[in-house]
Amino acid sequence: VRRGHLGTAAIWVSDLLGSNPLYVVAAFQFVM
């Protein structure tokens, strides 16, 4: 799906960390 790359990466990182994808996105937004 268009625009899906970043969300896919966020889910991959969340699975790696055992975390909620929402937290990964919020952390990414904070860094940006």
Full PDB file with SEQRES, HELIX, SHEET, SSBOND, CRYST1, ORIGX, SCALE, CONECT and MASTER records, all heavy atoms in Angstrom:
SEQRES   1 A   32  VAL ARG ARG GLY HIS LEU GLY THR ALA ALA ILE TRP VAL          
SEQRES   2 A   32  SER ASP LEU LEU GLY SER ASN PRO LEU TYR VAL VAL ALA          
SEQRES   3 A   32  ALA PHE GLN PHE VAL MET                                      
HELIX    1 AA1 GLY A    4  LEU A   17  1                                  14    
HELIX    2 AA2 PRO A   21  VAL A   31  1                                  11    
CRYST1    1.000    1.000    1.000  90.00  90.00  90.00 P 1           1          
ORIGX1      1.000000  0.000000  0.000000        0.00000                         
ORIGX2      0.000000  1.000000  0.000000        0.00000                         
ORIGX3      0.000000  0.000000  1.000000        0.00000                         
SCALE1      1.000000  0.000000  0.000000        0.00000                         
SCALE2      0.000000  1.000000  0.000000        0.00000                         
SCALE3      0.000000  0.000000  1.000000        0.00000                         
ATOM      1  N   VAL A   1       0.847  -1.186   0.000  1.00  0.00           N  
ATOM      2  CA  VAL A   1       0.000   0.000   0.000  1.00  0.00           C  
ATOM      3  C   VAL A   1       0.886   1.241   0.000  1.00  0.00           C  
ATOM      4  O   VAL A   1       1.976   1.245   0.592  1.00  0.00           O  
ATOM      5  CB  VAL A   1      -0.937   0.001   1.238  1.00  0.00           C  
ATOM      6  CG1 VAL A   1      -0.141  -0.018   2.526  1.00  0.00           C  
ATOM      7  CG2 VAL A   1      -1.873   1.204   1.216  1.00  0.00           C  
ATOM      8  N   ARG A   2       0.440   2.267  -0.708  1.00  0.00           N  
ATOM      9  CA  ARG A   2       1.196   3.519  -0.724  1.00  0.00           C  
ATOM     10  C   ARG A   2       1.334   4.056   0.699  1.00  0.00           C  
ATOM     11  O   ARG A   2       0.446   3.888   1.522  1.00  0.00           O  
ATOM     12  CB  ARG A   2       0.514   4.541  -1.628  1.00  0.00           C  
ATOM     13  CG  ARG A   2      -0.911   4.913  -1.200  1.00  0.00           C  
ATOM     14  CD  ARG A   2      -1.585   5.777  -2.248  1.00  0.00           C  
ATOM     15  NE  ARG A   2      -2.995   6.000  -1.949  1.00  0.00           N  
ATOM     16  CZ  ARG A   2      -3.463   7.077  -1.320  1.00  0.00           C  
ATOM     17  NH1 ARG A   2      -2.630   8.019  -0.925  1.00  0.00           N  
ATOM     18  NH2 ARG A   2      -4.753   7.200  -1.088  1.00  0.00           N  
ATOM     19  N   ARG A   3       2.445   4.680   0.964  1.00  0.00           N  
ATOM     20  CA  ARG A   3       2.774   5.235   2.283  1.00  0.00           C  
ATOM     21  C   ARG A   3       3.040   4.153   3.329  1.00  0.00           C  
ATOM     22  O   ARG A   3       3.128   4.462   4.523  1.00  0.00           O  
ATOM     23  CB  ARG A   3       1.668   6.167   2.804  1.00  0.00           C  
ATOM     24  CG  ARG A   3       1.216   7.239   1.833  1.00  0.00           C  
ATOM     25  CD  ARG A   3       0.115   8.105   2.421  1.00  0.00           C  
ATOM     26  NE  ARG A   3      -0.489   8.957   1.422  1.00  0.00           N  
ATOM     27  CZ  ARG A   3      -1.539   9.738   1.626  1.00  0.00           C  
ATOM     28  NH1 ARG A   3      -2.098   9.773   2.834  1.00  0.00           N  
ATOM     29  NH2 ARG A   3      -2.038  10.488   0.669  1.00  0.00           N  
ATOM     30  N   GLY A   4       3.145   2.896   2.914  1.00  0.00           N  
ATOM     31  CA  GLY A   4       3.228   1.822   3.891  1.00  0.00           C  
ATOM     32  C   GLY A   4       4.614   1.476   4.387  1.00  0.00           C  
ATOM     33  O   GLY A   4       4.753   0.707   5.347  1.00  0.00           O  
ATOM     34  N   HIS A   5       5.668   2.017   3.775  1.00  0.00           N  
ATOM     35  CA  HIS A   5       7.020   1.614   4.147  1.00  0.00           C  
ATOM     36  C   HIS A   5       7.368   1.961   5.590  1.00  0.00           C  
ATOM     37  O   HIS A   5       7.936   1.140   6.321  1.00  0.00           O  
ATOM     38  CB  HIS A   5       8.038   2.261   3.200  1.00  0.00           C  
ATOM     39  CG  HIS A   5       7.942   1.786   1.791  1.00  0.00           C  
ATOM     40  ND1 HIS A   5       6.989   2.248   0.915  1.00  0.00           N  
ATOM     41  CD2 HIS A   5       8.671   0.880   1.099  1.00  0.00           C  
ATOM     42  CE1 HIS A   5       7.142   1.659  -0.258  1.00  0.00           C  
ATOM     43  NE2 HIS A   5       8.158   0.817  -0.177  1.00  0.00           N  
ATOM     44  N   LEU A   6       7.037   3.180   6.000  1.00  0.00           N  
ATOM     45  CA  LEU A   6       7.422   3.618   7.338  1.00  0.00           C  
ATOM     46  C   LEU A   6       6.677   2.816   8.405  1.00  0.00           C  
ATOM     47  O   LEU A   6       7.270   2.420   9.417  1.00  0.00           O  
ATOM     48  CB  LEU A   6       7.142   5.115   7.503  1.00  0.00           C  
ATOM     49  CG  LEU A   6       7.747   5.783   8.741  1.00  0.00           C  
ATOM     50  CD1 LEU A   6       9.269   5.675   8.723  1.00  0.00           C  
ATOM     51  CD2 LEU A   6       7.318   7.243   8.820  1.00  0.00           C  
ATOM     52  N   GLY A   7       5.390   2.586   8.194  1.00  0.00           N  
ATOM     53  CA  GLY A   7       4.619   1.800   9.151  1.00  0.00           C  
ATOM     54  C   GLY A   7       5.113   0.370   9.247  1.00  0.00           C  
ATOM     55  O   GLY A   7       5.152  -0.218  10.342  1.00  0.00           O  
ATOM     56  N   THR A   8       5.506  -0.182   8.102  1.00  0.00           N  
ATOM     57  CA  THR A   8       6.067  -1.536   8.107  1.00  0.00           C  
ATOM     58  C   THR A   8       7.346  -1.579   8.938  1.00  0.00           C  
ATOM     59  O   THR A   8       7.557  -2.508   9.728  1.00  0.00           O  
ATOM     60  CB  THR A   8       6.358  -1.997   6.664  1.00  0.00           C  
ATOM     61  OG1 THR A   8       5.148  -1.958   5.903  1.00  0.00           O  
ATOM     62  CG2 THR A   8       6.919  -3.402   6.655  1.00  0.00           C  
ATOM     63  N   ALA A   9       8.193  -0.562   8.759  1.00  0.00           N  
ATOM     64  CA  ALA A   9       9.430  -0.491   9.538  1.00  0.00           C  
ATOM     65  C   ALA A   9       9.136  -0.328  11.023  1.00  0.00           C  
ATOM     66  O   ALA A   9       9.807  -0.934  11.878  1.00  0.00           O  
ATOM     67  CB  ALA A   9      10.291   0.664   9.040  1.00  0.00           C  
ATOM     68  N   ALA A  10       8.119   0.488  11.347  1.00  0.00           N  
ATOM     69  CA  ALA A  10       7.761   0.692  12.756  1.00  0.00           C  
ATOM     70  C   ALA A  10       7.289  -0.611  13.390  1.00  0.00           C  
ATOM     71  O   ALA A  10       7.636  -0.906  14.551  1.00  0.00           O  
ATOM     72  CB  ALA A  10       6.671   1.766  12.871  1.00  0.00           C  
ATOM     73  N   ILE A  11       6.511  -1.390  12.653  1.00  0.00           N  
ATOM     74  CA  ILE A  11       6.051  -2.681  13.175  1.00  0.00           C  
ATOM     75  C   ILE A  11       7.221  -3.635  13.352  1.00  0.00           C  
ATOM     76  O   ILE A  11       7.310  -4.364  14.360  1.00  0.00           O  
ATOM     77  CB  ILE A  11       4.984  -3.277  12.229  1.00  0.00           C  
ATOM     78  CG1 ILE A  11       3.699  -2.453  12.317  1.00  0.00           C  
ATOM     79  CG2 ILE A  11       4.706  -4.732  12.568  1.00  0.00           C  
ATOM     80  CD1 ILE A  11       2.626  -2.876  11.341  1.00  0.00           C  
ATOM     81  N   TRP A  12       8.142  -3.637  12.404  1.00  0.00           N  
ATOM     82  CA  TRP A  12       9.322  -4.506  12.502  1.00  0.00           C  
ATOM     83  C   TRP A  12      10.139  -4.162  13.747  1.00  0.00           C  
ATOM     84  O   TRP A  12      10.559  -5.046  14.495  1.00  0.00           O  
ATOM     85  CB  TRP A  12      10.168  -4.378  11.248  1.00  0.00           C  
ATOM     86  CG  TRP A  12      11.388  -5.257  11.253  1.00  0.00           C  
ATOM     87  CD1 TRP A  12      11.456  -6.565  10.917  1.00  0.00           C  
ATOM     88  CD2 TRP A  12      12.709  -4.853  11.644  1.00  0.00           C  
ATOM     89  NE1 TRP A  12      12.749  -7.029  11.060  1.00  0.00           N  
ATOM     90  CE2 TRP A  12      13.537  -6.009  11.503  1.00  0.00           C  
ATOM     91  CE3 TRP A  12      13.281  -3.665  12.073  1.00  0.00           C  
ATOM     92  CZ2 TRP A  12      14.899  -5.990  11.787  1.00  0.00           C  
ATOM     93  CZ3 TRP A  12      14.637  -3.631  12.365  1.00  0.00           C  
ATOM     94  CH2 TRP A  12      15.428  -4.791  12.229  1.00  0.00           C  
ATOM     95  N   VAL A  13      10.357  -2.847  13.980  1.00  0.00           N  
ATOM     96  CA  VAL A  13      11.120  -2.420  15.159  1.00  0.00           C  
ATOM     97  C   VAL A  13      10.367  -2.759  16.442  1.00  0.00           C  
ATOM     98  O   VAL A  13      10.961  -3.214  17.431  1.00  0.00           O  
ATOM     99  CB  VAL A  13      11.423  -0.904  15.090  1.00  0.00           C  
ATOM    100  CG1 VAL A  13      12.055  -0.420  16.399  1.00  0.00           C  
ATOM    101  CG2 VAL A  13      12.345  -0.600  13.916  1.00  0.00           C  
ATOM    102  N   SER A  14       9.057  -2.564  16.434  1.00  0.00           N  
ATOM    103  CA  SER A  14       8.277  -2.868  17.636  1.00  0.00           C  
ATOM    104  C   SER A  14       8.327  -4.352  17.968  1.00  0.00           C  
ATOM    105  O   SER A  14       8.386  -4.746  19.137  1.00  0.00           O  
ATOM    106  CB  SER A  14       6.825  -2.404  17.461  1.00  0.00           C  
ATOM    107  OG  SER A  14       6.136  -3.204  16.525  1.00  0.00           O  
ATOM    108  N   ASP A  15       8.299  -5.195  16.928  1.00  0.00           N  
ATOM    109  CA  ASP A  15       8.414  -6.644  17.161  1.00  0.00           C  
ATOM    110  C   ASP A  15       9.794  -6.996  17.710  1.00  0.00           C  
ATOM    111  O   ASP A  15       9.934  -7.856  18.591  1.00  0.00           O  
ATOM    112  CB  ASP A  15       8.175  -7.403  15.858  1.00  0.00           C  
ATOM    113  CG  ASP A  15       6.717  -7.387  15.425  1.00  0.00           C  
ATOM    114  OD1 ASP A  15       5.862  -6.996  16.260  1.00  0.00           O  
ATOM    115  OD2 ASP A  15       6.426  -7.746  14.275  1.00  0.00           O  
ATOM    116  N   LEU A  16      10.802  -6.310  17.195  1.00  0.00           N  
ATOM    117  CA  LEU A  16      12.166  -6.557  17.647  1.00  0.00           C  
ATOM    118  C   LEU A  16      12.338  -6.183  19.116  1.00  0.00           C  
ATOM    119  O   LEU A  16      13.024  -6.879  19.875  1.00  0.00           O  
ATOM    120  CB  LEU A  16      13.143  -5.756  16.780  1.00  0.00           C  
ATOM    121  CG  LEU A  16      14.640  -6.010  16.998  1.00  0.00           C  
ATOM    122  CD1 LEU A  16      15.005  -7.431  16.578  1.00  0.00           C  
ATOM    123  CD2 LEU A  16      15.457  -4.992  16.212  1.00  0.00           C  
ATOM    124  N   LEU A  17      11.677  -5.085  19.508  1.00  0.00           N  
ATOM    125  CA  LEU A  17      11.803  -4.590  20.886  1.00  0.00           C  
ATOM    126  C   LEU A  17      10.727  -5.151  21.810  1.00  0.00           C  
ATOM    127  O   LEU A  17      10.778  -4.912  23.030  1.00  0.00           O  
ATOM    128  CB  LEU A  17      11.733  -3.061  20.899  1.00  0.00           C  
ATOM    129  CG  LEU A  17      12.816  -2.317  20.109  1.00  0.00           C  
ATOM    130  CD1 LEU A  17      12.552  -0.822  20.147  1.00  0.00           C  
ATOM    131  CD2 LEU A  17      14.200  -2.624  20.662  1.00  0.00           C  
ATOM    132  N   GLY A  18       9.731  -5.843  21.239  1.00  0.00           N  
ATOM    133  CA  GLY A  18       8.612  -6.310  22.047  1.00  0.00           C  
ATOM    134  C   GLY A  18       7.773  -5.170  22.569  1.00  0.00           C  
ATOM    135  O   GLY A  18       7.279  -5.208  23.700  1.00  0.00           O  
ATOM    136  N   SER A  19       7.578  -4.140  21.738  1.00  0.00           N  
ATOM    137  CA  SER A  19       6.890  -2.922  22.156  1.00  0.00           C  
ATOM    138  C   SER A  19       5.674  -2.672  21.280  1.00  0.00           C  
ATOM    139  O   SER A  19       5.419  -3.379  20.299  1.00  0.00           O  
ATOM    140  CB  SER A  19       7.854  -1.734  22.079  1.00  0.00           C  
ATOM    141  OG  SER A  19       7.224  -0.524  22.454  1.00  0.00           O  
ATOM    142  N   ASN A  20       4.905  -1.648  21.629  1.00  0.00           N  
ATOM    143  CA  ASN A  20       3.756  -1.217  20.849  1.00  0.00           C  
ATOM    144  C   ASN A  20       4.243  -0.350  19.688  1.00  0.00           C  
ATOM    145  O   ASN A  20       5.061   0.546  19.887  1.00  0.00           O  
ATOM    146  CB  ASN A  20       2.805  -0.425  21.749  1.00  0.00           C  
ATOM    147  CG  ASN A  20       1.482  -0.125  21.075  1.00  0.00           C  
ATOM    148  OD1 ASN A  20       1.431   0.320  19.940  1.00  0.00           O  
ATOM    149  ND2 ASN A  20       0.398  -0.360  21.802  1.00  0.00           N  
ATOM    150  N   PRO A  21       3.768  -0.574  18.458  1.00  0.00           N  
ATOM    151  CA  PRO A  21       4.189   0.267  17.323  1.00  0.00           C  
ATOM    152  C   PRO A  21       3.950   1.755  17.556  1.00  0.00           C  
ATOM    153  O   PRO A  21       4.692   2.587  17.038  1.00  0.00           O  
ATOM    154  CB  PRO A  21       3.328  -0.255  16.163  1.00  0.00           C  
ATOM    155  CG  PRO A  21       2.994  -1.650  16.533  1.00  0.00           C  
ATOM    156  CD  PRO A  21       2.862  -1.655  18.034  1.00  0.00           C  
ATOM    157  N   LEU A  22       2.928   2.094  18.343  1.00  0.00           N  
ATOM    158  CA  LEU A  22       2.648   3.493  18.640  1.00  0.00           C  
ATOM    159  C   LEU A  22       3.827   4.142  19.350  1.00  0.00           C  
ATOM    160  O   LEU A  22       4.184   5.300  19.062  1.00  0.00           O  
ATOM    161  CB  LEU A  22       1.388   3.605  19.500  1.00  0.00           C  
ATOM    162  CG  LEU A  22       1.013   5.011  19.972  1.00  0.00           C  
ATOM    163  CD1 LEU A  22       0.692   5.917  18.795  1.00  0.00           C  
ATOM    164  CD2 LEU A  22      -0.160   4.958  20.950  1.00  0.00           C  
ATOM    165  N   TYR A  23       4.459   3.421  20.274  1.00  0.00           N  
ATOM    166  CA  TYR A  23       5.601   3.964  20.998  1.00  0.00           C  
ATOM    167  C   TYR A  23       6.791   4.179  20.067  1.00  0.00           C  
ATOM    168  O   TYR A  23       7.538   5.160  20.214  1.00  0.00           O  
ATOM    169  CB  TYR A  23       6.000   3.029  22.142  1.00  0.00           C  
ATOM    170  CG  TYR A  23       4.902   2.760  23.152  1.00  0.00           C  
ATOM    171  CD1 TYR A  23       4.903   1.597  23.909  1.00  0.00           C  
ATOM    172  CD2 TYR A  23       3.867   3.666  23.332  1.00  0.00           C  
ATOM    173  CE1 TYR A  23       3.892   1.339  24.834  1.00  0.00           C  
ATOM    174  CE2 TYR A  23       2.852   3.428  24.253  1.00  0.00           C  
ATOM    175  CZ  TYR A  23       2.870   2.258  24.996  1.00  0.00           C  
ATOM    176  OH  TYR A  23       1.867   2.010  25.900  1.00  0.00           O  
ATOM    177  N   VAL A  24       6.960   3.275  19.127  1.00  0.00           N  
ATOM    178  CA  VAL A  24       8.050   3.417  18.155  1.00  0.00           C  
ATOM    179  C   VAL A  24       7.839   4.661  17.305  1.00  0.00           C  
ATOM    180  O   VAL A  24       8.770   5.442  17.065  1.00  0.00           O  
ATOM    181  CB  VAL A  24       8.142   2.165  17.264  1.00  0.00           C  
ATOM    182  CG1 VAL A  24       9.192   2.357  16.161  1.00  0.00           C  
ATOM    183  CG2 VAL A  24       8.478   0.938  18.101  1.00  0.00           C  
ATOM    184  N   VAL A  25       6.598   4.881  16.857  1.00  0.00           N  
ATOM    185  CA  VAL A  25       6.287   6.064  16.048  1.00  0.00           C  
ATOM    186  C   VAL A  25       6.509   7.337  16.858  1.00  0.00           C  
ATOM    187  O   VAL A  25       7.102   8.307  16.357  1.00  0.00           O  
ATOM    188  CB  VAL A  25       4.837   5.996  15.536  1.00  0.00           C  
ATOM    189  CG1 VAL A  25       4.379   7.364  15.007  1.00  0.00           C  
ATOM    190  CG2 VAL A  25       4.711   4.949  14.447  1.00  0.00           C  
ATOM    191  N   ALA A  26       6.059   7.360  18.107  1.00  0.00           N  
ATOM    192  CA  ALA A  26       6.234   8.549  18.946  1.00  0.00           C  
ATOM    193  C   ALA A  26       7.715   8.848  19.166  1.00  0.00           C  
ATOM    194  O   ALA A  26       8.136  10.019  19.123  1.00  0.00           O  
ATOM    195  CB  ALA A  26       5.527   8.358  20.289  1.00  0.00           C  
ATOM    196  N   ALA A  27       8.517   7.808  19.391  1.00  0.00           N  
ATOM    197  CA  ALA A  27       9.958   8.003  19.567  1.00  0.00           C  
ATOM    198  C   ALA A  27      10.579   8.551  18.288  1.00  0.00           C  
ATOM    199  O   ALA A  27      11.444   9.441  18.336  1.00  0.00           O  
ATOM    200  CB  ALA A  27      10.620   6.682  19.965  1.00  0.00           C  
ATOM    201  N   PHE A  28      10.146   8.038  17.149  1.00  0.00           N  
ATOM    202  CA  PHE A  28      10.642   8.526  15.860  1.00  0.00           C  
ATOM    203  C   PHE A  28      10.265   9.987  15.663  1.00  0.00           C  
ATOM    204  O   PHE A  28      11.092  10.804  15.205  1.00  0.00           O  
ATOM    205  CB  PHE A  28      10.074   7.668  14.736  1.00  0.00           C  
ATOM    206  CG  PHE A  28      10.486   8.108  13.355  1.00  0.00           C  
ATOM    207  CD1 PHE A  28      11.761   7.840  12.879  1.00  0.00           C  
ATOM    208  CD2 PHE A  28       9.591   8.774  12.533  1.00  0.00           C  
ATOM    209  CE1 PHE A  28      12.141   8.242  11.605  1.00  0.00           C  
ATOM    210  CE2 PHE A  28       9.956   9.173  11.263  1.00  0.00           C  
ATOM    211  CZ  PHE A  28      11.233   8.911  10.799  1.00  0.00           C  
ATOM    212  N   GLN A  29       9.032  10.346  15.992  1.00  0.00           N  
ATOM    213  CA  GLN A  29       8.610  11.736  15.862  1.00  0.00           C  
ATOM    214  C   GLN A  29       9.441  12.649  16.757  1.00  0.00           C  
ATOM    215  O   GLN A  29       9.821  13.761  16.356  1.00  0.00           O  
ATOM    216  CB  GLN A  29       7.119  11.866  16.218  1.00  0.00           C  
ATOM    217  CG  GLN A  29       6.193  11.252  15.183  1.00  0.00           C  
ATOM    218  CD  GLN A  29       4.729  11.343  15.581  1.00  0.00           C  
ATOM    219  OE1 GLN A  29       4.381  11.215  16.753  1.00  0.00           O  
ATOM    220  NE2 GLN A  29       3.857  11.536  14.601  1.00  0.00           N  
ATOM    221  N   PHE A  30       9.740  12.186  17.962  1.00  0.00           N  
ATOM    222  CA  PHE A  30      10.547  12.989  18.878  1.00  0.00           C  
ATOM    223  C   PHE A  30      11.944  13.218  18.296  1.00  0.00           C  
ATOM    224  O   PHE A  30      12.461  14.344  18.337  1.00  0.00           O  
ATOM    225  CB  PHE A  30      10.649  12.300  20.241  1.00  0.00           C  
ATOM    226  CG  PHE A  30      11.426  13.075  21.259  1.00  0.00           C  
ATOM    227  CD1 PHE A  30      10.840  14.109  21.961  1.00  0.00           C  
ATOM    228  CD2 PHE A  30      12.763  12.780  21.505  1.00  0.00           C  
ATOM    229  CE1 PHE A  30      11.559  14.845  22.900  1.00  0.00           C  
ATOM    230  CE2 PHE A  30      13.495  13.503  22.432  1.00  0.00           C  
ATOM    231  CZ  PHE A  30      12.887  14.536  23.131  1.00  0.00           C  
ATOM    232  N   VAL A  31      12.550  12.178  17.745  1.00  0.00           N  
ATOM    233  CA  VAL A  31      13.885  12.325  17.141  1.00  0.00           C  
ATOM    234  C   VAL A  31      13.834  13.310  15.972  1.00  0.00           C  
ATOM    235  O   VAL A  31      14.721  14.170  15.827  1.00  0.00           O  
ATOM    236  CB  VAL A  31      14.423  10.957  16.680  1.00  0.00           C  
ATOM    237  CG1 VAL A  31      15.706  11.129  15.858  1.00  0.00           C  
ATOM    238  CG2 VAL A  31      14.691  10.050  17.876  1.00  0.00           C  
ATOM    239  N   MET A  32      12.812  13.199  15.140  1.00  0.00           N  
ATOM    240  CA  MET A  32      12.682  14.123  14.009  1.00  0.00           C  
ATOM    241  C   MET A  32      12.487  15.562  14.488  1.00  0.00           C  
ATOM    242  O   MET A  32      13.021  16.500  13.894  1.00  0.00           O  
ATOM    243  CB  MET A  32      11.499  13.708  13.127  1.00  0.00           C  
ATOM    244  CG  MET A  32      11.719  12.425  12.331  1.00  0.00           C  
ATOM    245  SD  MET A  32      13.072  12.506  11.139  1.00  0.00           S  
ATOM    246  CE  MET A  32      14.309  11.514  12.004  1.00  0.00           C  
TER     247      MET A  32                                                      
MASTER        0    0    0    2    0    0    0    6  246    1    0    3          
END                                                                             
